[in-house]
């Protein structure tokens, strides 16, 4: 009998039900779109941020004492010891190995360069430039036997090369645009380089220029070549000076910034099982003996601020849509209760308790909430796909979790919006109503 009363009441006054359901559907559509994008925005933005460069820097632990001011590490990285290249496959053996997008070792040294296609400069010191040895695109054999392609192309994909990148097993290199302009170097030239401060006689190594590099940084005044060339010139085979690591991370909060050495076992496990940039750095330090892993704070903090602001904006939009839906439902519910005063008074006169009358009215509103929430979810998924393709290039996938959350929000918004009118209906006295007062 109760279900029959609810269904009969739901089919009456279709115009009012339509407008109430439309308000709920629109509110839930916005909430669905915001929630879908919010759940997906972390990974999408993290991958977009990785195009801005690495967020972790590995250097020899014996280089220097810590010097951190305002969260920025100012320790020098151009002097000190070396790290073995043979340990690099361990980078992909940490707990968060799937979050390691790329890494690239770097070996820097100062060289004297000559371009046989032009006249040698009068002052030899003017021929001294920085040679940066690294991987362009290198296949690393991981401990499990799989191949992992990595290199500077993936850690810094925003670097622009006019021409092509060098092959890691060839005597090739790219030249920074500033150096190329100053020294009149062109693609196709061959540079002969020797160590600038070597006391021994070293045979010059020819490097064929296959591209001109533009980064907006110090690399524009340097030669970038395979790391084997730099190691050979410095007589440091199989070693590197720095390692840039690009990892997908979660923005840090107060818990992430705690000292892991002072944590309890439970807190340390929770901290390690969250992809904070600091926890990934901690794990890398454990698998790379003699290494010091630093977070590039300007990159990591910038990512966290942007991602936090985007999520706050999405939550504000969601809250505004839910508030608007609640107000619309409240207004519609109040009008419905006023129109049905006689019906409510008659039910109470026939013996219906106030709680049962309130339950009947609430059931009608909840049925409307589920219908409006379902329609709103379908519209929201369509809107989320449009937003995803427009902003991130990839549409978020529908989620059962979002559907359940949206239906729960629709029910909550409906009950909150109808709370005052339903409370007023439960306090109606049947006698005055039936007398027409």
Protein backbone atom coordinates (compact mmCIF):
# COMPACT_ATOMS: atom_id res chain seq x y z
CA UNK A 1 0.00 0.00 0.00
CA UNK A 2 2.84 2.36 0.88
CA UNK A 3 4.60 1.78 -2.46
CA UNK A 4 1.30 2.31 -4.30
CA UNK A 5 0.78 5.65 -2.57
CA UNK A 6 4.34 6.70 -3.45
CA UNK A 7 4.00 5.70 -7.12
CA UNK A 8 0.57 7.36 -7.48
CA UNK A 9 1.81 10.54 -5.88
CA UNK A 10 4.94 10.55 -8.08
CA UNK A 11 2.89 10.51 -11.30
CA UNK A 12 0.72 13.46 -10.23
CA UNK A 13 1.68 17.09 -10.88
CA UNK A 14 4.07 16.12 -13.71
CA UNK A 15 5.01 19.74 -14.45
CA UNK A 16 6.31 20.36 -10.95
CA UNK A 17 8.07 17.00 -10.93
CA UNK A 18 9.65 17.83 -14.28
CA UNK A 19 11.14 21.14 -13.13
CA UNK A 20 12.37 19.65 -9.85
CA UNK A 21 13.92 16.71 -11.67
CA UNK A 22 15.51 19.06 -14.22
CA UNK A 23 17.11 21.11 -11.45
CA UNK A 24 18.46 17.94 -9.85
CA UNK A 25 19.68 16.58 -13.18
CA UNK A 26 21.56 19.78 -14.04
CA UNK A 27 23.13 19.97 -10.58
CA UNK A 28 24.16 16.32 -10.68
CA UNK A 29 25.49 16.70 -14.25
CA UNK A 30 27.87 19.45 -13.14
CA UNK A 31 28.83 17.41 -10.07
CA UNK A 32 29.44 14.31 -12.21
CA UNK A 33 31.62 16.22 -14.66
CA UNK A 34 33.62 17.87 -11.87
CA UNK A 35 34.08 14.60 -9.97
CA UNK A 36 35.07 12.65 -13.10
CA UNK A 37 37.63 15.24 -14.12
CA UNK A 38 38.85 15.62 -10.53
CA UNK A 39 39.51 11.89 -10.18
CA UNK A 40 41.38 11.91 -13.48
CA UNK A 41 43.06 15.31 -13.29
CA UNK A 42 45.84 14.20 -10.94
CA UNK A 43 47.32 11.64 -13.34
CA UNK A 44 46.67 13.82 -16.38
CA UNK A 45 48.34 16.90 -14.91
CA UNK A 46 51.18 14.84 -13.49
CA UNK A 47 51.95 13.50 -16.95
CA UNK A 48 51.67 17.01 -18.41
CA UNK A 49 54.06 18.32 -15.74
CA UNK A 50 56.60 15.67 -16.66
CA UNK A 51 57.06 17.48 -19.97
CA UNK A 52 58.52 20.38 -17.95
CA UNK A 53 61.53 18.35 -16.81
CA UNK A 54 62.71 15.98 -14.10
CA UNK A 55 61.65 16.44 -10.48
CA UNK A 56 64.42 14.41 -8.81
CA UNK A 57 68.20 14.84 -8.93
CA UNK A 58 70.68 12.15 -7.89
CA UNK A 59 74.30 13.11 -7.08
CA UNK A 60 77.17 11.46 -5.20
CA UNK A 61 76.56 11.58 -1.47
CA UNK A 62 80.13 12.73 -0.78
CA UNK A 63 79.82 15.86 -2.89
CA UNK A 64 79.06 18.41 -0.19
CA UNK A 65 77.19 19.18 3.00
CA UNK A 66 73.46 19.97 2.80
CA UNK A 67 72.58 23.58 2.11
CA UNK A 68 68.83 24.11 1.90
CA UNK A 69 67.19 27.54 2.13
CA UNK A 70 63.45 27.98 1.84
CA UNK A 71 63.01 24.45 0.51
CA UNK A 72 65.54 25.00 -2.32
CA UNK A 73 68.80 23.01 -2.26
CA UNK A 74 71.82 25.14 -3.16
CA UNK A 75 74.51 22.47 -2.97
CA UNK A 76 76.97 22.46 -5.90
CA UNK A 77 76.68 19.60 -8.36
CA UNK A 78 79.61 20.28 -10.67
CA UNK A 79 82.39 18.85 -8.49
CA UNK A 80 82.94 15.80 -6.39
CA UNK A 81 82.67 12.04 -6.84
CA UNK A 82 81.05 9.74 -9.32
CA UNK A 83 78.39 7.04 -9.27
CA UNK A 84 78.47 3.69 -11.11
CA UNK A 85 76.34 3.47 -14.22
CA UNK A 86 75.80 -0.24 -13.52
CA UNK A 87 73.43 0.65 -10.64
CA UNK A 88 70.98 2.55 -12.86
CA UNK A 89 68.65 -0.44 -13.58
CA UNK A 90 67.85 -0.45 -9.84
CA UNK A 91 65.93 2.81 -10.32
CA UNK A 92 63.08 0.71 -11.75
CA UNK A 93 63.18 -1.78 -8.86
CA UNK A 94 61.63 0.43 -6.16
CA UNK A 95 58.05 0.02 -4.91
CA UNK A 96 56.87 2.89 -7.11
CA UNK A 97 58.76 1.67 -10.20
CA UNK A 98 55.74 2.21 -12.44
CA UNK A 99 55.78 5.90 -11.48
CA UNK A 100 59.32 6.33 -12.83
CA UNK A 101 58.66 7.76 -16.28
CA UNK A 102 62.27 8.28 -17.32
CA UNK A 103 65.80 8.94 -16.08
CA UNK A 104 68.99 10.18 -17.71
CA UNK A 105 72.56 10.14 -16.34
CA UNK A 106 74.75 13.18 -17.00
CA UNK A 107 78.53 13.58 -17.16
CA UNK A 108 79.79 17.14 -17.63
CA UNK A 109 83.30 18.36 -18.33
CA UNK A 110 84.99 21.33 -19.94
CA UNK A 111 86.58 20.68 -23.33
CA UNK A 112 88.49 22.55 -26.00
CA UNK A 113 86.68 22.28 -29.30
CA UNK A 114 87.78 22.95 -32.82
CA UNK A 115 85.71 23.21 -35.95
CA UNK A 116 87.86 22.23 -38.92
CA UNK A 117 85.44 23.98 -41.28
CA UNK A 118 86.34 27.39 -39.85
CA UNK A 119 89.51 29.13 -38.76
CA UNK A 120 90.71 28.43 -35.20
CA UNK A 121 90.20 31.34 -32.80
CA UNK A 122 93.24 33.37 -31.83
CA UNK A 123 92.74 32.75 -28.09
CA UNK A 124 92.42 29.03 -27.24
CA UNK A 125 90.41 29.70 -24.08
CA UNK A 126 87.62 31.03 -26.27
CA UNK A 127 87.28 27.51 -27.70
CA UNK A 128 86.47 26.09 -24.25
CA UNK A 129 82.90 24.91 -23.88
CA UNK A 130 80.89 22.61 -21.67
CA UNK A 131 80.41 19.08 -22.95
CA UNK A 132 77.33 17.35 -21.49
CA UNK A 133 77.33 13.60 -21.89
CA UNK A 134 73.99 11.84 -21.49
CA UNK A 135 71.57 9.40 -23.08
CA UNK A 136 69.28 10.58 -25.83
CA UNK A 137 67.22 7.40 -26.14
CA UNK A 138 68.78 4.42 -24.43
CA UNK A 139 67.51 0.90 -23.76
CA UNK A 140 68.23 -0.21 -20.19
CA UNK A 141 68.03 -3.88 -19.23
CA UNK A 142 66.10 -4.09 -15.96
CA UNK A 143 66.72 -6.68 -13.21
CA UNK A 144 63.71 -8.70 -14.44
CA UNK A 145 65.16 -8.86 -17.96
CA UNK A 146 62.77 -6.35 -19.54
CA UNK A 147 63.97 -3.43 -21.64
CA UNK A 148 63.19 0.14 -20.56
CA UNK A 149 63.70 2.97 -23.05
CA UNK A 150 64.79 6.19 -21.39
CA UNK A 151 66.97 9.25 -21.86
CA UNK A 152 66.96 13.02 -22.07
CA UNK A 153 64.29 12.91 -24.79
CA UNK A 154 61.84 11.62 -22.17
CA UNK A 155 63.03 13.50 -19.07
CA UNK A 156 63.01 16.83 -20.94
CA UNK A 157 60.63 16.41 -23.91
CA UNK A 158 60.20 20.18 -24.19
CA UNK A 159 63.77 20.59 -25.46
CA UNK A 160 63.63 21.52 -29.14
CA UNK A 161 66.11 20.08 -31.64
CA UNK A 162 66.53 21.44 -35.13
CA UNK A 163 67.74 18.35 -36.95
CA UNK A 164 67.75 15.16 -34.86
CA UNK A 165 69.04 13.73 -31.62
CA UNK A 166 72.33 11.85 -31.64
CA UNK A 167 72.57 8.07 -31.55
CA UNK A 168 73.91 6.85 -28.21
CA UNK A 169 76.44 4.52 -29.85
CA UNK A 170 77.80 7.00 -32.43
CA UNK A 171 80.27 9.88 -32.45
CA UNK A 172 77.48 12.41 -32.82
CA UNK A 173 76.10 15.31 -30.82
CA UNK A 174 73.85 18.35 -30.78
CA UNK A 175 75.04 21.90 -30.18
CA UNK A 176 73.25 24.63 -28.23
CA UNK A 177 71.88 27.41 -30.41
CA UNK A 178 73.88 30.14 -28.63
CA UNK A 179 77.15 28.25 -29.06
CA UNK A 180 76.32 27.45 -32.68
CA UNK A 181 75.65 31.12 -33.44
CA UNK A 182 78.75 32.35 -31.62
CA UNK A 183 81.13 29.76 -33.09
CA UNK A 184 79.46 29.58 -36.52
CA UNK A 185 78.65 25.89 -36.18
CA UNK A 186 76.14 24.28 -38.53
CA UNK A 187 74.50 20.90 -38.86
CA UNK A 188 76.91 18.62 -40.69
CA UNK A 189 80.07 20.14 -39.17
CA UNK A 190 82.51 18.00 -37.24
CA UNK A 191 83.95 19.17 -33.93
CA UNK A 192 87.20 17.85 -32.47
CA UNK A 193 87.13 17.94 -28.67
CA UNK A 194 89.79 17.29 -26.03
CA UNK A 195 89.73 17.76 -22.23
CA UNK A 196 90.49 21.37 -21.39
CA UNK A 197 92.52 20.80 -18.23
CA UNK A 198 94.28 17.51 -18.90
CA UNK A 199 98.00 17.13 -18.28
CA UNK A 200 98.14 14.16 -20.59
CA UNK A 201 98.15 14.12 -24.36
CA UNK A 202 94.71 12.97 -25.46
CA UNK A 203 93.66 12.24 -29.01
CA UNK A 204 90.85 14.58 -30.11
CA UNK A 205 87.48 12.90 -30.49
CA UNK A 206 85.47 13.94 -33.55
CA UNK A 207 81.80 14.72 -32.95
CA UNK A 208 79.48 15.09 -35.92
CA UNK A 209 76.87 17.81 -35.38
CA UNK A 210 73.44 16.34 -36.17
CA UNK A 211 71.21 18.97 -34.54
CA UNK A 212 70.94 22.37 -32.89
CA UNK A 213 69.41 22.39 -29.41
CA UNK A 214 67.24 25.11 -27.86
CA UNK A 215 66.27 24.84 -24.16
CA UNK A 216 66.42 28.40 -22.83
CA UNK A 217 68.99 27.21 -20.27
CA UNK A 218 72.70 26.56 -19.93
CA UNK A 219 72.47 23.80 -22.54
CA UNK A 220 72.17 26.47 -25.25
CA UNK A 221 75.88 27.20 -24.71
CA UNK A 222 77.06 23.58 -24.58
CA UNK A 223 77.65 20.48 -26.64
CA UNK A 224 75.41 17.54 -25.79
CA UNK A 225 76.75 14.15 -26.85
CA UNK A 226 76.60 10.46 -25.84
CA UNK A 227 77.77 9.90 -22.29
CA UNK A 228 80.40 7.40 -23.51
CA UNK A 229 82.28 10.27 -25.19
CA UNK A 230 82.38 12.37 -22.02
CA UNK A 231 83.39 9.37 -19.91
CA UNK A 232 86.18 8.48 -22.32
CA UNK A 233 87.58 12.02 -22.36
CA UNK A 234 87.60 12.12 -18.55
CA UNK A 235 88.88 8.54 -18.24
CA UNK A 236 85.84 7.66 -16.11
CA UNK A 237 84.25 4.79 -18.01
CA UNK A 238 80.97 3.51 -16.60
CA UNK A 239 80.44 6.46 -14.23
CA UNK A 240 78.21 9.50 -14.12
CA UNK A 241 77.99 12.72 -12.13
CA UNK A 242 74.26 13.44 -11.99
CA UNK A 243 71.06 11.57 -12.66
CA UNK A 244 67.81 13.30 -13.53
CA UNK A 245 64.68 11.30 -12.71
CA UNK A 246 61.16 12.10 -13.86
CA UNK A 247 58.47 10.51 -11.66
CA UNK A 248 54.70 10.75 -11.37
CA UNK A 249 53.95 11.99 -7.86
CA UNK A 250 51.18 13.13 -5.57
CA UNK A 251 51.28 16.72 -4.23
CA UNK A 252 52.91 16.84 -0.81
CA UNK A 253 50.97 17.69 2.34
CA UNK A 254 52.11 18.16 5.95
CA UNK A 255 52.33 14.39 6.47
CA UNK A 256 54.57 14.00 3.40
CA UNK A 257 57.05 16.56 4.74
CA UNK A 258 57.64 14.68 8.00
CA UNK A 259 61.04 13.11 8.66
CA UNK A 260 60.74 9.38 7.89
CA UNK A 261 63.38 8.61 10.54
CA UNK A 262 61.04 9.97 13.23
CA UNK A 263 57.95 8.08 12.04
CA UNK A 264 56.40 5.06 13.66
CA UNK A 265 56.32 1.81 11.69
CA UNK A 266 52.66 2.36 10.71
CA UNK A 267 53.26 5.95 9.59
CA UNK A 268 56.37 4.96 7.65
CA UNK A 269 54.43 2.26 5.82
CA UNK A 270 51.65 4.71 4.97
CA UNK A 271 54.20 7.32 3.85
CA UNK A 272 56.12 4.80 1.71
CA UNK A 273 52.90 3.52 0.12
CA UNK A 274 51.95 7.01 -1.09
CA UNK A 275 53.68 8.35 -4.24
CA UNK A 276 55.00 11.53 -2.63
CA UNK A 277 58.08 12.88 -4.37
CA UNK A 278 59.90 12.68 -1.03
CA UNK A 279 58.99 9.01 -0.49
CA UNK A 280 60.14 8.12 -4.02
CA UNK A 281 63.39 9.99 -3.35
CA UNK A 282 63.79 8.01 -0.11
CA UNK A 283 63.33 4.70 -1.94
CA UNK A 284 65.78 5.69 -4.68
CA UNK A 285 68.39 6.50 -2.06
CA UNK A 286 67.96 3.00 -0.62
CA UNK A 287 68.67 1.26 -3.97
CA UNK A 288 71.51 3.55 -5.14
CA UNK A 289 74.46 3.09 -2.73
CA UNK A 290 76.49 6.23 -2.12
CA UNK A 291 73.88 8.46 -3.78
CA UNK A 292 72.15 11.54 -2.48
CA UNK A 293 68.66 12.05 -3.93
CA UNK A 294 67.28 15.59 -3.88
CA UNK A 295 63.86 16.84 -4.78
CA UNK A 296 63.91 19.65 -7.32
CA UNK A 297 61.62 21.76 -5.16
CA UNK A 298 60.75 24.43 -7.67
CA UNK A 299 59.35 21.79 -10.01
CA UNK A 300 57.68 19.62 -7.37
CA UNK A 301 56.17 22.51 -5.39
CA UNK A 302 54.93 24.21 -8.56
CA UNK A 303 53.15 21.00 -9.60
CA UNK A 304 51.53 20.69 -6.19
CA UNK A 305 50.29 24.28 -6.14
CA UNK A 306 48.78 24.08 -9.63
CA UNK A 307 47.14 20.71 -9.00
CA UNK A 308 45.75 21.87 -5.65
CA UNK A 309 44.26 25.01 -7.20
CA UNK A 310 42.66 23.02 -10.03
CA UNK A 311 41.09 20.59 -7.57
CA UNK A 312 39.86 23.41 -5.32
CA UNK A 313 38.22 25.03 -8.35
CA UNK A 314 36.50 21.76 -9.28
CA UNK A 315 35.25 21.25 -5.73
CA UNK A 316 33.94 24.81 -5.59
CA UNK A 317 32.04 24.27 -8.84
CA UNK A 318 30.64 21.02 -7.44
CA UNK A 319 29.58 22.69 -4.18
CA UNK A 320 27.90 25.55 -6.07
CA UNK A 321 25.95 23.13 -8.28
CA UNK A 322 24.81 21.10 -5.26
CA UNK A 323 23.71 24.25 -3.42
CA UNK A 324 21.71 25.42 -6.43
CA UNK A 325 20.06 22.00 -6.72
CA UNK A 326 19.22 21.98 -3.00
CA UNK A 327 17.60 25.42 -3.22
CA UNK A 328 15.54 24.37 -6.25
CA UNK A 329 14.41 21.18 -4.52
CA UNK A 330 13.56 23.12 -1.34
CA UNK A 331 11.43 25.63 -3.21
CA UNK A 332 9.61 22.90 -5.12
CA UNK A 333 9.07 20.82 -2.00
CA UNK A 334 7.70 23.79 -0.04
CA UNK A 335 5.22 24.57 -2.81
CA UNK A 336 4.18 20.92 -3.00
CA UNK A 337 3.55 20.72 0.76
CA UNK A 338 1.39 23.87 0.67
CA UNK A 339 -0.66 22.50 -2.23
CA UNK A 340 -1.19 19.17 -0.44
CA UNK A 341 -2.25 20.54 2.94
CA UNK A 342 -5.72 19.08 2.57
CA UNK A 343 -4.37 15.69 1.57
CA UNK A 344 -1.96 15.68 4.52
CA UNK A 345 -4.72 16.72 6.94
CA UNK A 346 -7.00 13.95 5.61
CA UNK A 347 -4.29 11.31 6.07
CA UNK A 348 -3.71 12.43 9.64
CA UNK A 349 -7.45 12.47 10.33
CA UNK A 350 -7.64 8.85 9.14
CA UNK A 351 -4.98 7.87 11.65
CA UNK A 352 -1.66 8.33 9.84
CA UNK A 353 1.11 9.31 12.24
CA UNK A 354 3.26 12.37 11.54
CA UNK A 355 6.31 10.12 11.04
CA UNK A 356 4.49 8.06 8.43
CA UNK A 357 3.33 11.17 6.55
CA UNK A 358 6.88 12.52 6.59
CA UNK A 359 8.23 9.15 5.39
CA UNK A 360 5.74 9.11 2.51
CA UNK A 361 6.74 12.61 1.38
CA UNK A 362 10.45 11.82 1.79
CA UNK A 363 10.07 8.62 -0.28
CA UNK A 364 8.51 10.63 -3.10
CA UNK A 365 11.44 13.06 -3.03
CA UNK A 366 14.01 10.25 -2.94
CA UNK A 367 12.42 8.56 -5.95
CA UNK A 368 12.66 11.88 -7.77
CA UNK A 369 16.28 12.22 -6.60
CA UNK A 370 17.31 8.85 -8.05
CA UNK A 371 15.63 9.59 -11.38
CA UNK A 372 17.17 13.07 -11.59
CA UNK A 373 20.55 11.78 -10.37
CA UNK A 374 20.63 9.04 -13.01
CA UNK A 375 19.80 11.48 -15.81
CA UNK A 376 22.32 13.96 -14.39
CA UNK A 377 25.03 11.28 -14.33
CA UNK A 378 24.48 10.52 -18.02
CA UNK A 379 24.62 14.22 -18.92
CA UNK A 380 27.65 14.71 -16.65
CA UNK A 381 29.64 11.94 -18.33
CA UNK A 382 29.01 13.58 -21.69
CA UNK A 383 30.12 16.94 -20.30
CA UNK A 384 33.20 15.36 -18.66
CA UNK A 385 34.26 13.81 -21.96
CA UNK A 386 33.97 17.17 -23.69
CA UNK A 387 36.01 18.87 -20.94
CA UNK A 388 38.57 16.06 -20.88
CA UNK A 389 39.17 16.18 -24.61
CA UNK A 390 39.30 19.97 -24.65
CA UNK A 391 41.65 20.45 -21.68
CA UNK A 392 43.70 17.24 -21.48
CA UNK A 393 43.25 15.68 -24.90
CA UNK A 394 41.85 12.47 -23.38
CA UNK A 395 38.32 11.93 -22.09
CA UNK A 396 37.88 10.35 -18.62
CA UNK A 397 36.25 6.94 -18.52
CA UNK A 398 32.86 6.40 -16.83
CA UNK A 399 33.14 5.15 -13.26
CA UNK A 400 30.72 3.14 -11.16
CA UNK A 401 32.17 4.87 -8.13
CA UNK A 402 31.17 8.26 -9.50
CA UNK A 403 27.65 6.94 -10.25
CA UNK A 404 27.18 5.75 -6.67
CA UNK A 405 28.56 9.03 -5.30
CA UNK A 406 26.28 11.09 -7.55
CA UNK A 407 23.17 9.10 -6.55
CA UNK A 408 24.12 9.49 -2.90
CA UNK A 409 24.64 13.23 -3.38
CA UNK A 410 21.29 13.54 -5.17
CA UNK A 411 19.55 11.81 -2.24
CA UNK A 412 21.40 13.97 0.30
CA UNK A 413 20.69 17.21 -1.56
CA UNK A 414 17.01 16.28 -1.90
CA UNK A 415 16.61 15.42 1.78
CA UNK A 416 18.42 18.56 2.90
CA UNK A 417 16.42 20.75 0.54
CA UNK A 418 13.15 19.16 1.64
CA UNK A 419 13.95 19.05 5.35
CA UNK A 420 12.16 22.28 6.33
CA UNK A 421 8.97 21.69 4.24
CA UNK A 422 8.75 18.06 5.47
CA UNK A 423 9.15 19.15 9.07
CA UNK A 424 6.41 21.74 8.57
CA UNK A 425 4.12 19.07 7.04
CA UNK A 426 4.65 16.75 10.01
CA UNK A 427 3.40 19.50 12.37
CA UNK A 428 0.11 20.14 10.51
CA UNK A 429 -3.01 19.58 12.64
CA UNK A 430 -5.83 17.88 10.69
CA UNK A 431 -8.79 19.69 12.35
CA UNK A 432 -7.95 23.25 11.26
CA UNK A 433 -7.09 22.05 7.77
CA UNK A 434 -10.36 20.13 7.31
CA UNK A 435 -12.31 23.13 8.57
CA UNK A 436 -10.66 25.17 5.81
CA UNK A 437 -8.66 27.38 8.16
